Amino acid sequence: MKNILICGARGIGKSTLINRLLADFPDMPIFGFYTKKEQPAGDGCCPVYIHDASKSIRFYDNINLVGKCKDCHGFAIPTAFEEYGVEILHKIPHKSLVVMDEIGFFESSAYTFRSEIIRLISSDCLVVAAIKDKTTDFLDSLRKRDDSDVFYIDLDNRDCLYAEIKPILSARIDELAEYGG
């Protein structure tokens, strides 16, 4: 199964595009994760949490706090990826639609979590992922994979990229359903 990776700068619309694409398939169960940066806390840092995409209720606790941002600098908390993040990814059934929004540099030292990402991208699942437009060995390796189509989103193409990706995603979801997804 060929995956769909959407790469672009912060705030350019990767998550918006993914949410719009997945909304077209309301009956399809979605697994994987979303990360969300929240408003600054009392210390001025913006906490970043990982959430299970298969659950409608989100919680905010130390177990899913993957990092903090302050003054455009990120501080990763790898244990949240290595424990809660791995738990999310490890339980995904075969032939599933998987969202990974977003894969970035916080994962740099979360080696088990990164292995789970690679396992799913290499599997019979269909992964739709947002990839931060940064240079790290891990992110560069994801963008170079033969089993994934990479779409770069920017100000010039973000409004038309949906029309380009939707038929590709639709065909791949049909393929998942045909083979028992």
N, C-alpha and C. Protein backbone atom coordinates (compact mmCIF):
# COMPACT_ATOMS: atom_id res chain seq x y z
N MET A 1 0.86 -1.17 0.00
CA MET A 1 0.00 0.00 0.00
C MET A 1 0.90 1.24 0.00
N LYS A 2 0.69 2.11 -0.94
CA LYS A 2 1.49 3.33 -1.02
C LYS A 2 0.87 4.41 -0.14
N ASN A 3 1.67 4.99 0.72
CA ASN A 3 1.22 5.97 1.70
C ASN A 3 1.21 7.38 1.12
N ILE A 4 0.59 8.29 1.85
CA ILE A 4 0.52 9.69 1.44
C ILE A 4 1.16 10.52 2.55
N LEU A 5 2.25 11.20 2.21
CA LEU A 5 2.96 12.05 3.15
C LEU A 5 2.84 13.49 2.67
N ILE A 6 2.43 14.36 3.56
CA ILE A 6 2.26 15.78 3.24
C ILE A 6 3.30 16.56 4.04
N CYS A 7 4.17 17.23 3.31
CA CYS A 7 5.30 17.92 3.91
C CYS A 7 5.16 19.42 3.69
N GLY A 8 5.43 20.18 4.74
CA GLY A 8 5.37 21.62 4.60
C GLY A 8 5.76 22.32 5.89
N ALA A 9 5.89 23.62 5.78
CA ALA A 9 6.30 24.45 6.90
C ALA A 9 5.22 24.52 7.98
N ARG A 10 5.60 24.98 9.13
CA ARG A 10 4.67 25.16 10.25
C ARG A 10 3.57 26.14 9.86
N GLY A 11 2.34 25.75 10.13
CA GLY A 11 1.20 26.63 9.91
C GLY A 11 0.75 26.78 8.47
N ILE A 12 1.29 25.99 7.55
CA ILE A 12 0.97 26.13 6.13
C ILE A 12 -0.35 25.45 5.75
N GLY A 13 -0.82 24.49 6.58
CA GLY A 13 -2.09 23.84 6.29
C GLY A 13 -2.04 22.33 6.16
N LYS A 14 -0.99 21.69 6.64
CA LYS A 14 -0.88 20.23 6.55
C LYS A 14 -2.04 19.55 7.28
N SER A 15 -2.27 19.93 8.51
CA SER A 15 -3.35 19.32 9.30
C SER A 15 -4.71 19.64 8.72
N THR A 16 -4.90 20.86 8.27
CA THR A 16 -6.17 21.24 7.66
C THR A 16 -6.45 20.39 6.44
N LEU A 17 -5.44 20.18 5.60
CA LEU A 17 -5.60 19.35 4.41
C LEU A 17 -5.92 17.90 4.80
N ILE A 18 -5.21 17.35 5.75
CA ILE A 18 -5.46 15.98 6.17
C ILE A 18 -6.88 15.84 6.73
N ASN A 19 -7.28 16.76 7.57
CA ASN A 19 -8.63 16.70 8.15
C ASN A 19 -9.69 16.81 7.06
N ARG A 20 -9.47 17.65 6.08
CA ARG A 20 -10.43 17.80 4.98
C ARG A 20 -10.51 16.50 4.16
N LEU A 21 -9.37 15.91 3.88
CA LEU A 21 -9.34 14.65 3.12
C LEU A 21 -10.04 13.53 3.88
N LEU A 22 -9.74 13.38 5.15
CA LEU A 22 -10.31 12.28 5.93
C LEU A 22 -11.80 12.48 6.20
N ALA A 23 -12.25 13.71 6.23
CA ALA A 23 -13.68 14.00 6.44
C ALA A 23 -14.53 13.45 5.30
N ASP A 24 -13.93 13.22 4.15
CA ASP A 24 -14.66 12.67 3.01
C ASP A 24 -14.96 11.18 3.17
N PHE A 25 -14.44 10.57 4.21
CA PHE A 25 -14.62 9.13 4.44
C PHE A 25 -15.11 8.90 5.87
N PRO A 26 -16.31 9.42 6.20
CA PRO A 26 -16.78 9.38 7.59
C PRO A 26 -17.03 7.98 8.14
N ASP A 27 -17.24 7.00 7.27
CA ASP A 27 -17.51 5.64 7.74
C ASP A 27 -16.25 4.81 7.92
N MET A 28 -15.12 5.37 7.55
CA MET A 28 -13.85 4.64 7.63
C MET A 28 -13.22 4.86 9.01
N PRO A 29 -12.99 3.80 9.78
CA PRO A 29 -12.32 3.98 11.07
C PRO A 29 -10.90 4.50 10.86
N ILE A 30 -10.52 5.44 11.69
CA ILE A 30 -9.19 6.03 11.58
C ILE A 30 -8.41 5.74 12.85
N PHE A 31 -7.18 5.26 12.66
CA PHE A 31 -6.28 4.97 13.76
C PHE A 31 -5.08 5.91 13.66
N GLY A 32 -4.21 5.85 14.64
CA GLY A 32 -3.01 6.67 14.61
C GLY A 32 -3.03 7.76 15.65
N PHE A 33 -2.42 8.90 15.32
CA PHE A 33 -2.30 9.95 16.32
C PHE A 33 -2.37 11.34 15.70
N TYR A 34 -2.75 12.26 16.55
CA TYR A 34 -2.68 13.69 16.27
C TYR A 34 -1.84 14.32 17.37
N THR A 35 -1.05 15.31 17.02
CA THR A 35 -0.38 16.12 18.04
C THR A 35 -0.99 17.51 18.00
N LYS A 36 -1.05 18.13 19.15
CA LYS A 36 -1.69 19.44 19.24
C LYS A 36 -0.91 20.33 20.20
N LYS A 37 -0.52 21.49 19.68
CA LYS A 37 0.14 22.49 20.52
C LYS A 37 -0.94 23.36 21.15
N GLU A 38 -0.89 23.49 22.46
CA GLU A 38 -1.88 24.26 23.20
C GLU A 38 -1.35 25.68 23.50
N GLN A 39 -2.20 26.48 24.06
CA GLN A 39 -1.85 27.85 24.45
C GLN A 39 -0.79 27.81 25.55
N PRO A 40 0.00 28.89 25.67
CA PRO A 40 1.06 28.91 26.69
C PRO A 40 0.52 28.73 28.10
N ALA A 41 1.27 28.00 28.88
CA ALA A 41 0.96 27.81 30.30
C ALA A 41 1.57 28.97 31.09
N GLY A 42 1.47 28.90 32.39
CA GLY A 42 1.98 29.96 33.26
C GLY A 42 3.47 30.24 33.09
N ASP A 43 4.22 29.22 32.67
CA ASP A 43 5.67 29.40 32.47
C ASP A 43 6.01 29.97 31.10
N GLY A 44 4.98 30.26 30.29
CA GLY A 44 5.21 30.80 28.95
C GLY A 44 5.46 29.75 27.88
N CYS A 45 5.51 28.49 28.29
CA CYS A 45 5.72 27.39 27.34
C CYS A 45 4.39 26.88 26.81
N CYS A 46 4.37 26.54 25.53
CA CYS A 46 3.19 25.92 24.91
C CYS A 46 3.36 24.41 24.98
N PRO A 47 2.50 23.72 25.74
CA PRO A 47 2.61 22.26 25.80
C PRO A 47 2.12 21.64 24.50
N VAL A 48 2.74 20.51 24.12
CA VAL A 48 2.35 19.75 22.94
C VAL A 48 1.97 18.34 23.39
N TYR A 49 0.76 17.92 22.99
CA TYR A 49 0.23 16.63 23.41
C TYR A 49 0.01 15.72 22.21
N ILE A 50 0.12 14.41 22.45
CA ILE A 50 -0.22 13.41 21.45
C ILE A 50 -1.55 12.79 21.84
N HIS A 51 -2.43 12.62 20.84
CA HIS A 51 -3.76 12.08 21.09
C HIS A 51 -4.01 10.88 20.17
N ASP A 52 -4.74 9.92 20.69
CA ASP A 52 -5.12 8.72 19.95
C ASP A 52 -6.22 9.09 18.95
N ALA A 53 -5.96 8.94 17.65
CA ALA A 53 -6.92 9.32 16.61
C ALA A 53 -8.18 8.46 16.63
N SER A 54 -8.11 7.28 17.24
CA SER A 54 -9.28 6.40 17.25
C SER A 54 -10.25 6.73 18.38
N LYS A 55 -9.88 7.67 19.22
CA LYS A 55 -10.74 8.05 20.36
C LYS A 55 -11.24 9.47 20.19
N SER A 56 -12.51 9.68 20.50
CA SER A 56 -13.10 11.01 20.34
C SER A 56 -12.81 11.92 21.52
N ILE A 57 -12.48 11.34 22.66
CA ILE A 57 -12.20 12.14 23.85
C ILE A 57 -10.69 12.32 23.96
N ARG A 58 -10.27 13.56 24.12
CA ARG A 58 -8.85 13.87 24.29
C ARG A 58 -8.59 14.25 25.74
N PHE A 59 -7.44 13.87 26.23
CA PHE A 59 -7.06 14.24 27.59
C PHE A 59 -5.69 14.91 27.55
N TYR A 60 -5.39 15.63 28.60
CA TYR A 60 -4.17 16.42 28.69
C TYR A 60 -3.51 16.12 30.03
N ASP A 61 -2.44 15.31 29.96
CA ASP A 61 -1.80 14.85 31.18
C ASP A 61 -0.32 14.63 30.87
N ASN A 62 0.46 14.35 31.88
CA ASN A 62 1.89 14.09 31.65
C ASN A 62 2.13 12.87 30.79
N ILE A 63 1.20 11.90 30.80
CA ILE A 63 1.37 10.67 30.02
C ILE A 63 1.42 10.95 28.51
N ASN A 64 0.72 12.00 28.04
CA ASN A 64 0.70 12.30 26.61
C ASN A 64 1.32 13.65 26.26
N LEU A 65 2.06 14.23 27.19
CA LEU A 65 2.78 15.48 26.95
C LEU A 65 4.12 15.15 26.29
N VAL A 66 4.22 15.42 24.98
CA VAL A 66 5.42 15.03 24.22
C VAL A 66 6.47 16.13 24.13
N GLY A 67 6.10 17.35 24.51
CA GLY A 67 7.08 18.42 24.45
C GLY A 67 6.49 19.75 24.83
N LYS A 68 7.37 20.75 24.81
CA LYS A 68 6.96 22.13 25.08
C LYS A 68 7.72 23.03 24.12
N CYS A 69 7.06 24.12 23.75
CA CYS A 69 7.68 25.10 22.86
C CYS A 69 7.69 26.46 23.56
N LYS A 70 8.81 27.15 23.42
CA LYS A 70 8.91 28.50 23.95
C LYS A 70 9.88 29.28 23.09
N ASP A 71 9.45 30.44 22.66
CA ASP A 71 10.29 31.32 21.84
C ASP A 71 10.86 30.60 20.62
N CYS A 72 9.99 29.83 19.94
CA CYS A 72 10.35 29.09 18.72
C CYS A 72 11.39 28.00 18.95
N HIS A 73 11.53 27.52 20.17
CA HIS A 73 12.42 26.41 20.49
C HIS A 73 11.59 25.29 21.12
N GLY A 74 11.84 24.07 20.67
CA GLY A 74 11.11 22.93 21.19
C GLY A 74 11.94 22.12 22.17
N PHE A 75 11.26 21.59 23.18
CA PHE A 75 11.88 20.75 24.18
C PHE A 75 11.08 19.44 24.23
N ALA A 76 11.66 18.37 23.72
CA ALA A 76 10.96 17.08 23.62
C ALA A 76 10.92 16.36 24.96
N ILE A 77 9.85 15.57 25.12
CA ILE A 77 9.70 14.68 26.27
C ILE A 77 9.53 13.27 25.69
N PRO A 78 10.63 12.60 25.37
CA PRO A 78 10.57 11.33 24.65
C PRO A 78 9.79 10.22 25.35
N THR A 79 9.71 10.24 26.68
CA THR A 79 9.01 9.15 27.37
C THR A 79 7.54 9.08 26.97
N ALA A 80 6.91 10.20 26.68
CA ALA A 80 5.50 10.17 26.25
C ALA A 80 5.37 9.46 24.91
N PHE A 81 6.31 9.70 23.98
CA PHE A 81 6.31 8.97 22.71
C PHE A 81 6.58 7.49 22.94
N GLU A 82 7.58 7.21 23.76
CA GLU A 82 8.03 5.84 23.95
C GLU A 82 7.03 4.98 24.71
N GLU A 83 6.20 5.58 25.50
CA GLU A 83 5.20 4.82 26.25
C GLU A 83 3.82 4.98 25.62
N TYR A 84 3.20 6.14 25.76
CA TYR A 84 1.85 6.32 25.25
C TYR A 84 1.80 6.27 23.72
N GLY A 85 2.75 6.91 23.05
CA GLY A 85 2.77 6.90 21.59
C GLY A 85 2.94 5.51 21.01
N VAL A 86 3.83 4.73 21.58
CA VAL A 86 4.03 3.36 21.13
C VAL A 86 2.78 2.53 21.39
N GLU A 87 2.12 2.75 22.52
CA GLU A 87 0.86 2.04 22.82
C GLU A 87 -0.19 2.33 21.73
N ILE A 88 -0.31 3.58 21.33
CA ILE A 88 -1.26 3.96 20.27
C ILE A 88 -0.95 3.22 18.97
N LEU A 89 0.30 3.27 18.55
CA LEU A 89 0.68 2.71 17.25
C LEU A 89 0.71 1.19 17.25
N HIS A 90 1.11 0.60 18.36
CA HIS A 90 1.26 -0.86 18.41
C HIS A 90 -0.07 -1.60 18.26
N LYS A 91 -1.17 -0.98 18.68
CA LYS A 91 -2.47 -1.67 18.67
C LYS A 91 -3.24 -1.49 17.36
N ILE A 92 -2.68 -0.83 16.36
CA ILE A 92 -3.40 -0.58 15.11
C ILE A 92 -3.55 -1.88 14.33
N PRO A 93 -4.78 -2.22 13.94
CA PRO A 93 -5.00 -3.46 13.19
C PRO A 93 -4.42 -3.40 11.78
N HIS A 94 -4.19 -4.57 11.22
CA HIS A 94 -3.75 -4.65 9.82
C HIS A 94 -4.79 -4.01 8.91
N LYS A 95 -4.33 -3.53 7.77
CA LYS A 95 -5.20 -2.97 6.73
C LYS A 95 -6.09 -1.83 7.25
N SER A 96 -5.49 -0.95 8.02
CA SER A 96 -6.22 0.18 8.59
C SER A 96 -5.80 1.48 7.91
N LEU A 97 -6.68 2.46 8.02
CA LEU A 97 -6.36 3.83 7.64
C LEU A 97 -5.73 4.49 8.87
N VAL A 98 -4.50 4.98 8.70
CA VAL A 98 -3.71 5.50 9.82
C VAL A 98 -3.34 6.95 9.54
N VAL A 99 -3.65 7.83 10.48
CA VAL A 99 -3.21 9.22 10.39
C VAL A 99 -2.06 9.41 11.37
N MET A 100 -1.05 10.15 10.92
CA MET A 100 0.07 10.53 11.78
C MET A 100 0.26 12.04 11.57
N ASP A 101 -0.27 12.80 12.49
CA ASP A 101 -0.27 14.26 12.32
C ASP A 101 0.19 14.91 13.61
N GLU A 102 1.41 15.15 13.75
CA GLU A 102 2.46 15.39 12.78
C GLU A 102 3.70 14.67 13.23
N ILE A 103 4.55 14.28 12.28
CA ILE A 103 5.85 13.69 12.58
C ILE A 103 6.86 14.82 12.44
N GLY A 104 7.63 15.03 13.51
CA GLY A 104 8.58 16.14 13.51
C GLY A 104 9.88 15.80 14.21
N PHE A 105 10.54 16.83 14.72
CA PHE A 105 11.85 16.64 15.34
C PHE A 105 11.76 16.23 16.81
N PHE A 106 10.59 16.37 17.45
CA PHE A 106 10.44 15.91 18.83
C PHE A 106 10.72 14.41 18.94
N GLU A 107 10.50 13.68 17.86
CA GLU A 107 10.67 12.23 17.86
C GLU A 107 12.13 11.79 17.73
N SER A 108 13.04 12.74 17.63
CA SER A 108 14.45 12.42 17.34
C SER A 108 15.05 11.37 18.28
N SER A 109 14.73 11.42 19.55
CA SER A 109 15.31 10.43 20.48
C SER A 109 14.28 9.42 20.97
N ALA A 110 13.15 9.32 20.30
CA ALA A 110 12.11 8.34 20.64
C ALA A 110 12.22 7.17 19.67
N TYR A 111 13.22 6.32 19.88
CA TYR A 111 13.59 5.30 18.90
C TYR A 111 12.54 4.20 18.73
N THR A 112 11.89 3.79 19.80
CA THR A 112 10.85 2.77 19.67
C THR A 112 9.65 3.33 18.92
N PHE A 113 9.28 4.56 19.24
CA PHE A 113 8.17 5.22 18.54
C PHE A 113 8.49 5.36 17.05
N ARG A 114 9.70 5.77 16.74
CA ARG A 114 10.11 5.87 15.33
C ARG A 114 10.05 4.51 14.64
N SER A 115 10.44 3.45 15.34
CA SER A 115 10.37 2.10 14.76
C SER A 115 8.93 1.71 14.46
N GLU A 116 8.01 2.10 15.33
CA GLU A 116 6.58 1.82 15.11
C GLU A 116 6.07 2.59 13.89
N ILE A 117 6.52 3.82 13.72
CA ILE A 117 6.14 4.60 12.53
C ILE A 117 6.61 3.88 11.27
N ILE A 118 7.86 3.45 11.26
CA ILE A 118 8.42 2.74 10.11
C ILE A 118 7.67 1.43 9.87
N ARG A 119 7.37 0.70 10.94
CA ARG A 119 6.64 -0.56 10.81
C ARG A 119 5.30 -0.32 10.12
N LEU A 120 4.57 0.70 10.53
CA LEU A 120 3.26 0.96 9.94
C LEU A 120 3.36 1.47 8.50
N ILE A 121 4.33 2.30 8.23
CA ILE A 121 4.52 2.80 6.86
C ILE A 121 4.90 1.64 5.93
N SER A 122 5.58 0.66 6.46
CA SER A 122 6.01 -0.51 5.67
C SER A 122 4.95 -1.61 5.61
N SER A 123 3.85 -1.44 6.31
CA SER A 123 2.85 -2.50 6.45
C SER A 123 1.76 -2.41 5.38
N ASP A 124 0.70 -3.21 5.61
CA ASP A 124 -0.45 -3.20 4.71
C ASP A 124 -1.47 -2.12 5.08
N CYS A 125 -1.09 -1.23 5.99
CA CYS A 125 -1.94 -0.09 6.34
C CYS A 125 -1.75 1.04 5.34
N LEU A 126 -2.70 1.93 5.29
CA LEU A 126 -2.60 3.15 4.50
C LEU A 126 -2.34 4.30 5.46
N VAL A 127 -1.15 4.87 5.39
CA VAL A 127 -0.75 5.95 6.27
C VAL A 127 -0.89 7.28 5.54
N VAL A 128 -1.57 8.21 6.19
CA VAL A 128 -1.65 9.60 5.72
C VAL A 128 -0.98 10.42 6.82
N ALA A 129 0.16 11.03 6.49
CA ALA A 129 0.95 11.68 7.52
C ALA A 129 1.35 13.10 7.13
N ALA A 130 1.42 13.93 8.15
CA ALA A 130 2.00 15.26 8.01
C ALA A 130 3.44 15.16 8.50
N ILE A 131 4.35 15.67 7.69
CA ILE A 131 5.77 15.63 8.02
C ILE A 131 6.28 17.07 8.11
N LYS A 132 6.89 17.39 9.23
CA LYS A 132 7.46 18.73 9.40
C LYS A 132 8.56 18.95 8.38
N ASP A 133 8.60 20.12 7.81
CA ASP A 133 9.59 20.47 6.80
C ASP A 133 10.89 20.90 7.47
N LYS A 134 11.52 19.96 8.12
CA LYS A 134 12.80 20.16 8.78
C LYS A 134 13.74 19.07 8.32
N THR A 135 15.02 19.30 8.49
CA THR A 135 16.02 18.32 8.10
C THR A 135 16.53 17.58 9.33
N THR A 136 16.15 16.31 9.42
CA THR A 136 16.74 15.38 10.39
C THR A 136 16.92 14.08 9.62
N ASP A 137 17.78 13.22 10.11
CA ASP A 137 17.99 11.94 9.43
C ASP A 137 16.68 11.17 9.30
N PHE A 138 15.89 11.16 10.37
CA PHE A 138 14.64 10.41 10.37
C PHE A 138 13.63 11.00 9.38
N LEU A 139 13.40 12.30 9.45
CA LEU A 139 12.43 12.93 8.55
C LEU A 139 12.87 12.81 7.10
N ASP A 140 14.17 12.98 6.84
CA ASP A 140 14.67 12.83 5.47
C ASP A 140 14.45 11.41 4.96
N SER A 141 14.65 10.42 5.83
CA SER A 141 14.46 9.02 5.41
C SER A 141 13.00 8.74 5.08
N LEU A 142 12.06 9.35 5.80
CA LEU A 142 10.64 9.16 5.50
C LEU A 142 10.29 9.74 4.13
N ARG A 143 10.82 10.91 3.84
CA ARG A 143 10.50 11.57 2.56
C ARG A 143 11.11 10.84 1.36
N LYS A 144 12.10 9.99 1.58
CA LYS A 144 12.77 9.28 0.49
C LYS A 144 12.23 7.87 0.25
N ARG A 145 11.22 7.46 0.96
CA ARG A 145 10.73 6.09 0.87
C ARG A 145 10.02 5.85 -0.46
N ASP A 146 10.24 4.66 -1.02
CA ASP A 146 9.59 4.26 -2.27
C ASP A 146 8.12 3.89 -2.07
N ASP A 147 7.75 3.56 -0.84
CA ASP A 147 6.38 3.13 -0.57
C ASP A 147 5.46 4.29 -0.17
N SER A 148 5.89 5.50 -0.47
CA SER A 148 5.10 6.67 -0.11
C SER A 148 5.17 7.73 -1.20
N ASP A 149 4.03 8.37 -1.43
CA ASP A 149 4.00 9.56 -2.29
C ASP A 149 4.11 10.78 -1.38
N VAL A 150 5.02 11.67 -1.71
CA VAL A 150 5.23 12.87 -0.91
C VAL A 150 4.67 14.07 -1.66
N PHE A 151 3.82 14.81 -0.98
CA PHE A 151 3.24 16.03 -1.53
C PHE A 151 3.73 17.20 -0.69
N TYR A 152 4.31 18.18 -1.35
CA TYR A 152 4.79 19.37 -0.65
C TYR A 152 3.72 20.45 -0.74
N ILE A 153 3.35 20.98 0.41
CA ILE A 153 2.31 22.00 0.48
C ILE A 153 2.96 23.35 0.78
N ASP A 154 2.51 24.35 0.04
CA ASP A 154 2.99 25.71 0.25
C ASP A 154 1.85 26.69 -0.04
N LEU A 155 2.11 27.97 0.06
CA LEU A 155 1.06 28.97 -0.16
C LEU A 155 0.48 28.91 -1.56
N ASP A 156 1.29 28.55 -2.53
CA ASP A 156 0.84 28.54 -3.92
C ASP A 156 -0.06 27.36 -4.25
N ASN A 157 0.15 26.21 -3.61
CA ASN A 157 -0.62 25.02 -4.00
C ASN A 157 -1.58 24.50 -2.94
N ARG A 158 -1.62 25.11 -1.78
CA ARG A 158 -2.41 24.51 -0.71
C ARG A 158 -3.90 24.47 -0.99
N ASP A 159 -4.41 25.37 -1.81
CA ASP A 159 -5.83 25.35 -2.12
C ASP A 159 -6.19 24.31 -3.18
N CYS A 160 -5.25 23.91 -4.01
CA CYS A 160 -5.55 22.94 -5.07
C CYS A 160 -5.03 21.53 -4.76
N LEU A 161 -4.23 21.39 -3.72
CA LEU A 161 -3.66 20.08 -3.38
C LEU A 161 -4.73 19.07 -2.97
N TYR A 162 -5.79 19.54 -2.35
CA TYR A 162 -6.90 18.66 -1.97
C TYR A 162 -7.45 17.94 -3.20
N ALA A 163 -7.71 18.67 -4.28
CA ALA A 163 -8.26 18.07 -5.51
C ALA A 163 -7.29 17.07 -6.13
N GLU A 164 -6.01 17.29 -5.95
CA GLU A 164 -5.01 16.36 -6.48
C GLU A 164 -4.93 15.07 -5.65
N ILE A 165 -4.98 15.19 -4.34
CA ILE A 165 -4.79 14.03 -3.47
C ILE A 165 -6.07 13.23 -3.28
N LYS A 166 -7.23 13.86 -3.28
CA LYS A 166 -8.49 13.16 -2.97
C LYS A 166 -8.71 11.92 -3.82
N PRO A 167 -8.57 11.96 -5.16
CA PRO A 167 -8.81 10.72 -5.93
C PRO A 167 -7.77 9.63 -5.63
N ILE A 168 -6.56 10.03 -5.31
CA ILE A 168 -5.52 9.06 -4.96
C ILE A 168 -5.89 8.37 -3.64
N LEU A 169 -6.27 9.17 -2.67
CA LEU A 169 -6.67 8.61 -1.37
C LEU A 169 -7.90 7.73 -1.52
N SER A 170 -8.86 8.18 -2.29
CA SER A 170 -10.09 7.41 -2.50
C SER A 170 -9.79 6.03 -3.10
N ALA A 171 -8.93 6.00 -4.10
CA ALA A 171 -8.57 4.73 -4.73
C ALA A 171 -7.85 3.81 -3.74
N ARG A 172 -7.01 4.37 -2.91
CA ARG A 172 -6.27 3.56 -1.95
C ARG A 172 -7.18 3.06 -0.82
N ILE A 173 -8.16 3.87 -0.43
CA ILE A 173 -9.13 3.41 0.56
C ILE A 173 -9.99 2.30 -0.02
N ASP A 174 -10.36 2.42 -1.30
CA ASP A 174 -11.11 1.35 -1.97
C ASP A 174 -10.28 0.06 -1.98
N GLU A 175 -8.99 0.19 -2.22
CA GLU A 175 -8.10 -0.97 -2.22
C GLU A 175 -8.04 -1.59 -0.82
N LEU A 176 -7.99 -0.77 0.21
CA LEU A 176 -8.00 -1.29 1.59
C LEU A 176 -9.29 -2.08 1.84
N ALA A 177 -10.42 -1.48 1.46
CA ALA A 177 -11.72 -2.12 1.69
C ALA A 177 -11.84 -3.43 0.91
N GLU A 178 -11.29 -3.45 -0.31
CA GLU A 178 -11.34 -4.64 -1.15
C GLU A 178 -10.58 -5.80 -0.52
N TYR A 179 -9.49 -5.47 0.19
CA TYR A 179 -8.67 -6.51 0.78
C TYR A 179 -8.88 -6.66 2.28
N GLY A 180 -10.06 -6.24 2.74
CA GLY A 180 -10.43 -6.54 4.12
C GLY A 180 -10.14 -5.46 5.11
N GLY A 181 -9.96 -4.21 4.68
CA GLY A 181 -9.69 -3.12 5.63
C GLY A 181 -10.90 -2.68 6.37
